[in-house]
PDB file of N, CA and C in Angstrom:
ATOM      1  N   MET A   1     -10.812 -22.251   2.195  1.00  0.00           N
ATOM      2  CA  MET A   1     -11.264 -21.849   1.195  1.00  0.00           C
ATOM      3  C   MET A   1     -11.241 -23.151  -0.018  1.00  0.00           C
ATOM      4  N   PRO A   2     -12.146 -23.312  -0.918  1.00  0.00           N
ATOM      5  CA  PRO A   2     -12.164 -24.514  -1.803  1.00  0.00           C
ATOM      6  C   PRO A   2     -10.953 -23.945  -2.688  1.00  0.00           C
ATOM      7  N   ARG A   3     -10.325 -24.900  -3.435  1.00  0.00           N
ATOM      8  CA  ARG A   3      -9.067 -24.777  -4.173  1.00  0.00           C
ATOM      9  C   ARG A   3      -9.721 -23.695  -5.573  1.00  0.00           C
ATOM     10  N   ALA A   4     -10.785 -23.875  -6.167  1.00  0.00           N
ATOM     11  CA  ALA A   4     -11.366 -23.312  -7.404  1.00  0.00           C
ATOM     12  C   ALA A   4     -11.476 -21.629  -6.726  1.00  0.00           C
ATOM     13  N   ASN A   5     -12.043 -21.754  -5.656  1.00  0.00           N
ATOM     14  CA  ASN A   5     -12.168 -20.202  -5.305  1.00  0.00           C
ATOM     15  C   ASN A   5     -10.920 -19.540  -4.890  1.00  0.00           C
ATOM     16  N   ARG A   6      -9.721 -20.232  -4.314  1.00  0.00           N
ATOM     17  CA  ARG A   6      -8.447 -19.911  -4.194  1.00  0.00           C
ATOM     18  C   ARG A   6      -8.001 -18.905  -5.730  1.00  0.00           C
ATOM     19  N   LYS A   7      -8.194 -19.851  -6.373  1.00  0.00           N
ATOM     20  CA  LYS A   7      -7.568 -19.710  -7.849  1.00  0.00           C
ATOM     21  C   LYS A   7      -8.469 -18.540  -8.574  1.00  0.00           C
ATOM     22  N   GLU A   8      -9.221 -17.995  -8.225  1.00  0.00           N
ATOM     23  CA  GLU A   8     -10.259 -17.118  -8.872  1.00  0.00           C
ATOM     24  C   GLU A   8      -9.734 -16.135  -8.011  1.00  0.00           C
ATOM     25  N   SER A   9      -9.441 -15.955  -7.225  1.00  0.00           N
ATOM     26  CA  SER A   9      -9.368 -14.964  -6.048  1.00  0.00           C
ATOM     27  C   SER A   9      -8.052 -14.348  -6.347  1.00  0.00           C
ATOM     28  N   ARG A  10      -7.020 -15.081  -6.868  1.00  0.00           N
ATOM     29  CA  ARG A  10      -5.557 -14.846  -7.249  1.00  0.00           C
ATOM     30  C   ARG A  10      -5.235 -14.380  -8.859  1.00  0.00           C
ATOM     31  N   GLY A  11      -6.237 -14.572  -9.222  1.00  0.00           N
ATOM     32  CA  GLY A  11      -5.996 -14.358 -10.653  1.00  0.00           C
ATOM     33  C   GLY A  11      -5.700 -15.638 -11.346  1.00  0.00           C
ATOM     34  N   CYS A  12      -5.774 -15.745 -12.652  1.00  0.00           N
ATOM     35  CA  CYS A  12      -4.981 -17.018 -13.234  1.00  0.00           C
ATOM     36  C   CYS A  12      -4.092 -16.571 -14.176  1.00  0.00           C
ATOM     37  N   CYS A  13      -3.005 -17.389 -14.624  1.00  0.00           N
ATOM     38  CA  CYS A  13      -2.049 -17.232 -15.664  1.00  0.00           C
ATOM     39  C   CYS A  13      -2.538 -18.685 -16.546  1.00  0.00           C
ATOM     40  N   LYS A  14      -3.125 -18.282 -17.777  1.00  0.00           N
ATOM     41  CA  LYS A  14      -3.068 -19.642 -18.800  1.00  0.00           C
ATOM     42  C   LYS A  14      -2.081 -19.031 -20.085  1.00  0.00           C
ATOM     43  N   VAL A  15      -2.052 -20.174 -20.884  1.00  0.00           N
ATOM     44  CA  VAL A  15      -1.418 -20.445 -22.195  1.00  0.00           C
ATOM     45  C   VAL A  15      -2.947 -19.837 -23.269  1.00  0.00           C
ATOM     46  N   GLU A  16      -2.575 -18.705 -23.773  1.00  0.00           N
ATOM     47  CA  GLU A  16      -3.596 -18.317 -24.884  1.00  0.00           C
ATOM     48  C   GLU A  16      -3.543 -18.891 -25.972  1.00  0.00           C
ATOM     49  N   ALA A  17      -2.253 -18.999 -26.460  1.00  0.00           N
ATOM     50  CA  ALA A  17      -1.867 -19.392 -27.991  1.00  0.00           C
ATOM     51  C   ALA A  17      -0.305 -19.840 -27.804  1.00  0.00           C
ATOM     52  N   LEU A  18       0.002 -20.419 -28.778  1.00  0.00           N
ATOM     53  CA  LEU A  18       1.749 -20.824 -29.163  1.00  0.00           C
ATOM     54  C   LEU A  18       2.019 -20.096 -30.488  1.00  0.00           C
ATOM     55  N   ILE A  19       2.922 -19.130 -30.188  1.00  0.00           N
ATOM     56  CA  ILE A  19       3.237 -18.396 -31.469  1.00  0.00           C
ATOM     57  C   ILE A  19       4.500 -18.708 -32.022  1.00  0.00           C
ATOM     58  N   SER A  20       4.660 -18.221 -33.105  1.00  0.00           N
ATOM     59  CA  SER A  20       5.764 -18.855 -33.926  1.00  0.00           C
ATOM     60  C   SER A  20       6.597 -17.527 -33.929  1.00  0.00           C
ATOM     61  N   VAL A  21       8.087 -17.833 -33.993  1.00  0.00           N
ATOM     62  CA  VAL A  21       8.888 -16.623 -34.401  1.00  0.00           C
ATOM     63  C   VAL A  21       9.535 -16.749 -35.633  1.00  0.00           C
ATOM     64  N   ASP A  22       9.468 -16.282 -36.655  1.00  0.00           N
ATOM     65  CA  ASP A  22       9.926 -16.085 -37.946  1.00  0.00           C
ATOM     66  C   ASP A  22      11.391 -15.692 -38.091  1.00  0.00           C
ATOM     67  N   GLU A  23      12.465 -16.006 -39.368  1.00  0.00           N
ATOM     68  CA  GLU A  23      13.571 -15.920 -39.231  1.00  0.00           C
ATOM     69  C   GLU A  23      13.914 -14.369 -38.981  1.00  0.00           C
ATOM     70  N   ARG A  24      13.008 -13.463 -38.989  1.00  0.00           N
ATOM     71  CA  ARG A  24      13.464 -12.053 -38.640  1.00  0.00           C
ATOM     72  C   ARG A  24      13.229 -11.893 -37.146  1.00  0.00           C
ATOM     73  N   GLY A  25      12.682 -12.657 -36.311  1.00  0.00           N
ATOM     74  CA  GLY A  25      12.740 -12.536 -35.041  1.00  0.00           C
ATOM     75  C   GLY A  25      10.778 -12.075 -34.892  1.00  0.00           C
ATOM     76  N   GLN A  26      10.557 -12.003 -35.897  1.00  0.00           N
ATOM     77  CA  GLN A  26       9.061 -11.223 -35.791  1.00  0.00           C
ATOM     78  C   GLN A  26       7.859 -12.247 -35.224  1.00  0.00           C
ATOM     79  N   MET A  27       6.821 -12.111 -34.665  1.00  0.00           N
ATOM     80  CA  MET A  27       5.676 -12.669 -34.106  1.00  0.00           C
ATOM     81  C   MET A  27       4.548 -12.200 -34.424  1.00  0.00           C
ATOM     82  N   VAL A  28       3.342 -12.734 -34.567  1.00  0.00           N
ATOM     83  CA  VAL A  28       2.111 -12.383 -34.844  1.00  0.00           C
ATOM     84  C   VAL A  28       1.006 -12.562 -33.281  1.00  0.00           C
ATOM     85  N   LEU A  29       0.374 -11.645 -32.848  1.00  0.00           N
ATOM     86  CA  LEU A  29      -0.280 -11.967 -31.727  1.00  0.00           C
ATOM     87  C   LEU A  29      -1.492 -12.408 -32.542  1.00  0.00           C
ATOM     88  N   PRO A  30      -2.252 -13.413 -31.958  1.00  0.00           N
ATOM     89  CA  PRO A  30      -3.304 -14.001 -32.517  1.00  0.00           C
ATOM     90  C   PRO A  30      -4.486 -12.749 -32.650  1.00  0.00           C
ATOM     91  N   LYS A  31      -5.652 -12.789 -33.586  1.00  0.00           N
ATOM     92  CA  LYS A  31      -6.665 -11.900 -33.660  1.00  0.00           C
ATOM     93  C   LYS A  31      -7.403 -11.742 -32.496  1.00  0.00           C
ATOM     94  N   GLY A  32      -7.737 -12.822 -31.789  1.00  0.00           N
ATOM     95  CA  GLY A  32      -8.694 -12.852 -30.757  1.00  0.00           C
ATOM     96  C   GLY A  32      -8.269 -12.317 -29.516  1.00  0.00           C
ATOM     97  N   VAL A  33      -6.866 -12.634 -29.421  1.00  0.00           N
ATOM     98  CA  VAL A  33      -6.197 -11.840 -28.379  1.00  0.00           C
ATOM     99  C   VAL A  33      -5.963 -10.606 -28.528  1.00  0.00           C
ATOM    100  N   ARG A  34      -5.716  -9.896 -29.412  1.00  0.00           N
ATOM    101  CA  ARG A  34      -5.539  -8.508 -29.925  1.00  0.00           C
ATOM    102  C   ARG A  34      -6.673  -7.792 -29.550  1.00  0.00           C
ATOM    103  N   GLU A  35      -8.065  -8.554 -30.151  1.00  0.00           N
ATOM    104  CA  GLU A  35      -9.268  -7.926 -29.738  1.00  0.00           C
ATOM    105  C   GLU A  35      -9.446  -7.858 -28.431  1.00  0.00           C
ATOM    106  N   ARG A  36      -9.453  -8.969 -27.856  1.00  0.00           N
ATOM    107  CA  ARG A  36      -9.888  -9.112 -26.169  1.00  0.00           C
ATOM    108  C   ARG A  36      -8.829  -7.876 -25.444  1.00  0.00           C
ATOM    109  N   LEU A  37      -7.811  -7.680 -25.947  1.00  0.00           N
ATOM    110  CA  LEU A  37      -6.896  -6.431 -25.325  1.00  0.00           C
ATOM    111  C   LEU A  37      -7.126  -5.051 -25.939  1.00  0.00           C
ATOM    112  N   GLY A  38      -7.941  -4.962 -26.913  1.00  0.00           N
ATOM    113  CA  GLY A  38      -8.246  -3.722 -27.487  1.00  0.00           C
ATOM    114  C   GLY A  38      -7.000  -3.243 -28.087  1.00  0.00           C
ATOM    115  N   LEU A  39      -5.977  -4.057 -28.741  1.00  0.00           N
ATOM    116  CA  LEU A  39      -4.980  -3.322 -29.314  1.00  0.00           C
ATOM    117  C   LEU A  39      -5.249  -3.240 -30.702  1.00  0.00           C
ATOM    118  N   ARG A  40      -4.578  -1.930 -31.146  1.00  0.00           N
ATOM    119  CA  ARG A  40      -4.914  -1.399 -32.522  1.00  0.00           C
ATOM    120  C   ARG A  40      -3.407  -1.444 -33.141  1.00  0.00           C
ATOM    121  N   GLY A  41      -3.250  -1.217 -34.473  1.00  0.00           N
ATOM    122  CA  GLY A  41      -2.120  -0.776 -35.121  1.00  0.00           C
ATOM    123  C   GLY A  41      -1.403   0.433 -34.639  1.00  0.00           C
ATOM    124  N   GLY A  42      -0.392   0.360 -34.252  1.00  0.00           N
ATOM    125  CA  GLY A  42       0.232   1.416 -33.751  1.00  0.00           C
ATOM    126  C   GLY A  42       0.431   1.563 -31.987  1.00  0.00           C
ATOM    127  N   ASP A  43      -0.210   0.810 -31.348  1.00  0.00           N
ATOM    128  CA  ASP A  43      -0.204   0.658 -30.049  1.00  0.00           C
ATOM    129  C   ASP A  43       0.970   0.087 -29.812  1.00  0.00           C
ATOM    130  N   LYS A  44       1.603   0.637 -28.772  1.00  0.00           N
ATOM    131  CA  LYS A  44       3.054   0.249 -28.215  1.00  0.00           C
ATOM    132  C   LYS A  44       2.511  -0.885 -26.801  1.00  0.00           C
ATOM    133  N   LEU A  45       3.718  -1.629 -27.016  1.00  0.00           N
ATOM    134  CA  LEU A  45       3.451  -2.661 -25.475  1.00  0.00           C
ATOM    135  C   LEU A  45       4.842  -2.713 -25.131  1.00  0.00           C
ATOM    136  N   ALA A  46       4.860  -2.593 -23.570  1.00  0.00           N
ATOM    137  CA  ALA A  46       6.184  -2.450 -23.059  1.00  0.00           C
ATOM    138  C   ALA A  46       6.464  -4.143 -22.875  1.00  0.00           C
ATOM    139  N   LEU A  47       7.515  -4.800 -22.970  1.00  0.00           N
ATOM    140  CA  LEU A  47       8.127  -5.994 -22.763  1.00  0.00           C
ATOM    141  C   LEU A  47       8.726  -6.234 -21.426  1.00  0.00           C
ATOM    142  N   SER A  48       8.293  -6.971 -20.449  1.00  0.00           N
ATOM    143  CA  SER A  48       9.168  -7.205 -19.072  1.00  0.00           C
ATOM    144  C   SER A  48       9.250  -8.786 -19.225  1.00  0.00           C
ATOM    145  N   THR A  49      10.471  -8.792 -18.366  1.00  0.00           N
ATOM    146  CA  THR A  49      10.505 -10.387 -18.217  1.00  0.00           C
ATOM    147  C   THR A  49      11.021 -10.864 -16.577  1.00  0.00           C
ATOM    148  N   ILE A  50      10.999 -12.014 -16.607  1.00  0.00           N
ATOM    149  CA  ILE A  50      10.987 -12.673 -15.307  1.00  0.00           C
ATOM    150  C   ILE A  50      12.171 -13.717 -15.302  1.00  0.00           C
ATOM    151  N   GLU A  51      13.066 -13.512 -14.555  1.00  0.00           N
ATOM    152  CA  GLU A  51      14.239 -14.177 -14.582  1.00  0.00           C
ATOM    153  C   GLU A  51      14.474 -15.419 -13.322  1.00  0.00           C
ATOM    154  N   ARG A  52      14.711 -16.618 -13.681  1.00  0.00           N
ATOM    155  CA  ARG A  52      15.017 -17.725 -12.425  1.00  0.00           C
ATOM    156  C   ARG A  52      16.126 -18.078 -12.944  1.00  0.00           C
ATOM    157  N   ASP A  53      17.137 -18.177 -11.776  1.00  0.00           N
ATOM    158  CA  ASP A  53      18.369 -18.970 -11.878  1.00  0.00           C
ATOM    159  C   ASP A  53      18.987 -18.251 -12.979  1.00  0.00           C
ATOM    160  N   GLY A  54      19.152 -17.180 -13.134  1.00  0.00           N
ATOM    161  CA  GLY A  54      19.612 -16.050 -13.969  1.00  0.00           C
ATOM    162  C   GLY A  54      19.394 -16.458 -15.698  1.00  0.00           C
ATOM    163  N   ALA A  55      18.266 -17.203 -15.908  1.00  0.00           N
ATOM    164  CA  ALA A  55      17.784 -17.070 -17.186  1.00  0.00           C
ATOM    165  C   ALA A  55      16.228 -16.721 -17.398  1.00  0.00           C
ATOM    166  N   VAL A  56      16.059 -15.706 -18.411  1.00  0.00           N
ATOM    167  CA  VAL A  56      14.732 -15.249 -18.694  1.00  0.00           C
ATOM    168  C   VAL A  56      14.252 -16.638 -19.096  1.00  0.00           C
ATOM    169  N   CYS A  57      12.672 -16.362 -18.065  1.00  0.00           N
ATOM    170  CA  CYS A  57      11.819 -17.864 -18.245  1.00  0.00           C
ATOM    171  C   CYS A  57      10.368 -16.960 -18.427  1.00  0.00           C
ATOM    172  N   CYS A  58      10.219 -15.906 -18.814  1.00  0.00           N
ATOM    173  CA  CYS A  58       8.953 -15.530 -18.838  1.00  0.00           C
ATOM    174  C   CYS A  58       8.650 -14.218 -19.503  1.00  0.00           C
ATOM    175  N   LEU A  59       7.873 -14.071 -20.278  1.00  0.00           N
ATOM    176  CA  LEU A  59       7.990 -12.703 -21.078  1.00  0.00           C
ATOM    177  C   LEU A  59       6.588 -11.875 -21.021  1.00  0.00           C
ATOM    178  N   ILE A  60       6.232 -10.830 -20.664  1.00  0.00           N
ATOM    179  CA  ILE A  60       5.042 -10.217 -20.025  1.00  0.00           C
ATOM    180  C   ILE A  60       4.928  -9.123 -20.964  1.00  0.00           C
ATOM    181  N   LEU A  61       3.729  -8.889 -21.790  1.00  0.00           N
ATOM    182  CA  LEU A  61       3.430  -8.130 -22.453  1.00  0.00           C
ATOM    183  C   LEU A  61       2.151  -7.004 -21.725  1.00  0.00           C
ATOM    184  N   THR A  62       2.606  -5.774 -21.571  1.00  0.00           N
ATOM    185  CA  THR A  62       1.588  -4.885 -21.363  1.00  0.00           C
ATOM    186  C   THR A  62       1.474  -3.703 -22.141  1.00  0.00           C
ATOM    187  N   LYS A  63       0.283  -3.164 -22.471  1.00  0.00           N
ATOM    188  CA  LYS A  63      -0.108  -2.073 -23.188  1.00  0.00           C
ATOM    189  C   LYS A  63       0.551  -0.947 -22.387  1.00  0.00           C
ATOM    190  N   ALA A  64       1.509  -0.514 -23.150  1.00  0.00           N
ATOM    191  CA  ALA A  64       2.540   0.741 -22.558  1.00  0.00           C
ATOM    192  C   ALA A  64       1.890   2.101 -22.242  1.00  0.00           C
ATOM    193  N   ALA A  65       0.540   2.343 -22.671  1.00  0.00           N
ATOM    194  CA  ALA A  65      -0.488   3.283 -22.086  1.00  0.00           C
ATOM    195  C   ALA A  65      -0.803   2.935 -20.636  1.00  0.00           C
ATOM    196  N   ALA A  66      -1.216   1.990 -20.321  1.00  0.00           N
ATOM    197  CA  ALA A  66      -1.735   1.144 -19.370  1.00  0.00           C
ATOM    198  C   ALA A  66      -0.778   1.245 -18.124  1.00  0.00           C
ATOM    199  N   LEU A  67       0.525   0.561 -18.562  1.00  0.00           N
ATOM    200  CA  LEU A  67       1.890   0.585 -17.818  1.00  0.00           C
ATOM    201  C   LEU A  67       2.227   2.189 -17.163  1.00  0.00           C
ATOM    202  N   ALA A  68       2.024   3.263 -18.330  1.00  0.00           N
ATOM    203  CA  ALA A  68       2.511   4.385 -17.942  1.00  0.00           C
ATOM    204  C   ALA A  68       1.464   5.060 -16.903  1.00  0.00           C
ATOM    205  N   ASP A  69       0.175   4.592 -17.256  1.00  0.00           N
ATOM    206  CA  ASP A  69      -0.793   5.175 -16.298  1.00  0.00           C
ATOM    207  C   ASP A  69      -0.597   4.603 -14.587  1.00  0.00           C
ATOM    208  N   ALA A  70      -0.481   3.335 -14.771  1.00  0.00           N
ATOM    209  CA  ALA A  70      -0.203   2.735 -13.382  1.00  0.00           C
ATOM    210  C   ALA A  70       0.964   3.420 -12.891  1.00  0.00           C
ATOM    211  N   VAL A  71       2.046   3.700 -13.376  1.00  0.00           N
ATOM    212  CA  VAL A  71       3.364   4.429 -12.760  1.00  0.00           C
ATOM    213  C   VAL A  71       3.122   5.322 -12.658  1.00  0.00           C
ATOM    214  N   ARG A  72       2.474   6.450 -13.373  1.00  0.00           N
ATOM    215  CA  ARG A  72       2.185   7.737 -12.862  1.00  0.00           C
ATOM    216  C   ARG A  72       1.003   7.760 -11.345  1.00  0.00           C
ATOM    217  N   SER A  73       0.515   6.701 -11.481  1.00  0.00           N
ATOM    218  CA  SER A  73      -0.431   6.787 -10.303  1.00  0.00           C
ATOM    219  C   SER A  73       0.281   6.565  -9.100  1.00  0.00           C
ATOM    220  N   VAL A  74       1.403   5.933  -9.305  1.00  0.00           N
ATOM    221  CA  VAL A  74       2.220   5.520  -7.828  1.00  0.00           C
ATOM    222  C   VAL A  74       3.133   6.802  -7.888  1.00  0.00           C
ATOM    223  N   LEU A  75       3.672   6.884  -8.835  1.00  0.00           N
ATOM    224  CA  LEU A  75       5.246   7.977  -8.792  1.00  0.00           C
ATOM    225  C   LEU A  75       4.507   9.496  -8.853  1.00  0.00           C
ATOM    226  N   GLY A  76       3.535   9.800  -9.580  1.00  0.00           N
ATOM    227  CA  GLY A  76       3.007  10.946  -9.736  1.00  0.00           C
ATOM    228  C   GLY A  76       4.108  11.674 -10.786  1.00  0.00           C
ATOM    229  N   PRO A  77       4.459  13.004 -10.318  1.00  0.00           N
ATOM    230  CA  PRO A  77       5.034  13.823 -11.205  1.00  0.00           C
ATOM    231  C   PRO A  77       6.508  13.521 -11.799  1.00  0.00           C
ATOM    232  N   MET A  78       6.940  12.672 -10.773  1.00  0.00           N
ATOM    233  CA  MET A  78       8.232  12.155 -11.206  1.00  0.00           C
ATOM    234  C   MET A  78       8.447  11.314 -12.105  1.00  0.00           C
ATOM    235  N   ALA A  79       7.211  10.528 -12.615  1.00  0.00           N
ATOM    236  CA  ALA A  79       7.218   9.806 -13.700  1.00  0.00           C
ATOM    237  C   ALA A  79       6.903  10.443 -15.208  1.00  0.00           C
ATOM    238  N   GLU A  80       6.629  11.520 -15.029  1.00  0.00           N
ATOM    239  CA  GLU A  80       5.958  12.381 -16.358  1.00  0.00           C
ATOM    240  C   GLU A  80       7.214  12.397 -17.454  1.00  0.00           C
ATOM    241  N   GLY A  81       8.278  12.811 -17.245  1.00  0.00           N
ATOM    242  CA  GLY A  81       9.400  12.721 -18.693  1.00  0.00           C
ATOM    243  C   GLY A  81       9.483  11.411 -18.964  1.00  0.00           C
ATOM    244  N   PRO A  82      10.168  10.355 -18.391  1.00  0.00           N
ATOM    245  CA  PRO A  82      10.519   9.198 -19.430  1.00  0.00           C
ATOM    246  C   PRO A  82       9.061   8.439 -19.729  1.00  0.00           C
ATOM    247  N   LEU A  83       7.980   8.865 -19.341  1.00  0.00           N
ATOM    248  CA  LEU A  83       6.920   8.058 -19.862  1.00  0.00           C
ATOM    249  C   LEU A  83       6.017   8.663 -21.131  1.00  0.00           C
ATOM    250  N   GLU A  84       6.539   9.893 -21.390  1.00  0.00           N
ATOM    251  CA  GLU A  84       5.756  10.807 -22.263  1.00  0.00           C
ATOM    252  C   GLU A  84       5.646   9.914 -23.786  1.00  0.00           C
ATOM    253  N   ASP A  85       6.722   9.126 -24.030  1.00  0.00           N
ATOM    254  CA  ASP A  85       6.340   8.303 -25.360  1.00  0.00           C
ATOM    255  C   ASP A  85       5.379   7.167 -25.277  1.00  0.00           C
ATOM    256  N   ALA A  86       4.771   6.667 -24.110  1.00  0.00           N
ATOM    257  CA  ALA A  86       3.929   5.674 -23.704  1.00  0.00           C
ATOM    258  C   ALA A  86       2.698   6.132 -24.043  1.00  0.00           C
ATOM    259  N   SER A  87       2.003   7.262 -24.103  1.00  0.00           N
ATOM    260  CA  SER A  87       0.929   8.086 -24.230  1.00  0.00           C
ATOM    261  C   SER A  87       0.546   7.646 -25.412  1.00  0.00           C
ATOM    262  N   PRO A  88      -1.000   7.204 -25.645  1.00  0.00           N
ATOM    263  CA  PRO A  88      -1.357   7.080 -26.908  1.00  0.00           C
ATOM    264  C   PRO A  88      -1.555   8.452 -27.566  1.00  0.00           C
TER     265      PRO A  88
END
């Protein structure tokens, strides 16, 4: 399979933007990214991390409602209680 086709079939991770963290630890997601994700004020995001050699190397933001839906589809009724706050 040609390299380009393999990349498309696996999905792709890319740098969307460089984000600064202010003195209070806050950051702003660029408007274009928020629009593409359909994020609105009040939406919740779940923060997941990936570690390599004992240190966090990647941060992953997922809409909490989408993550809750995915977990519910796998776990069913067992997931109802802990995920109540993630629903819109």
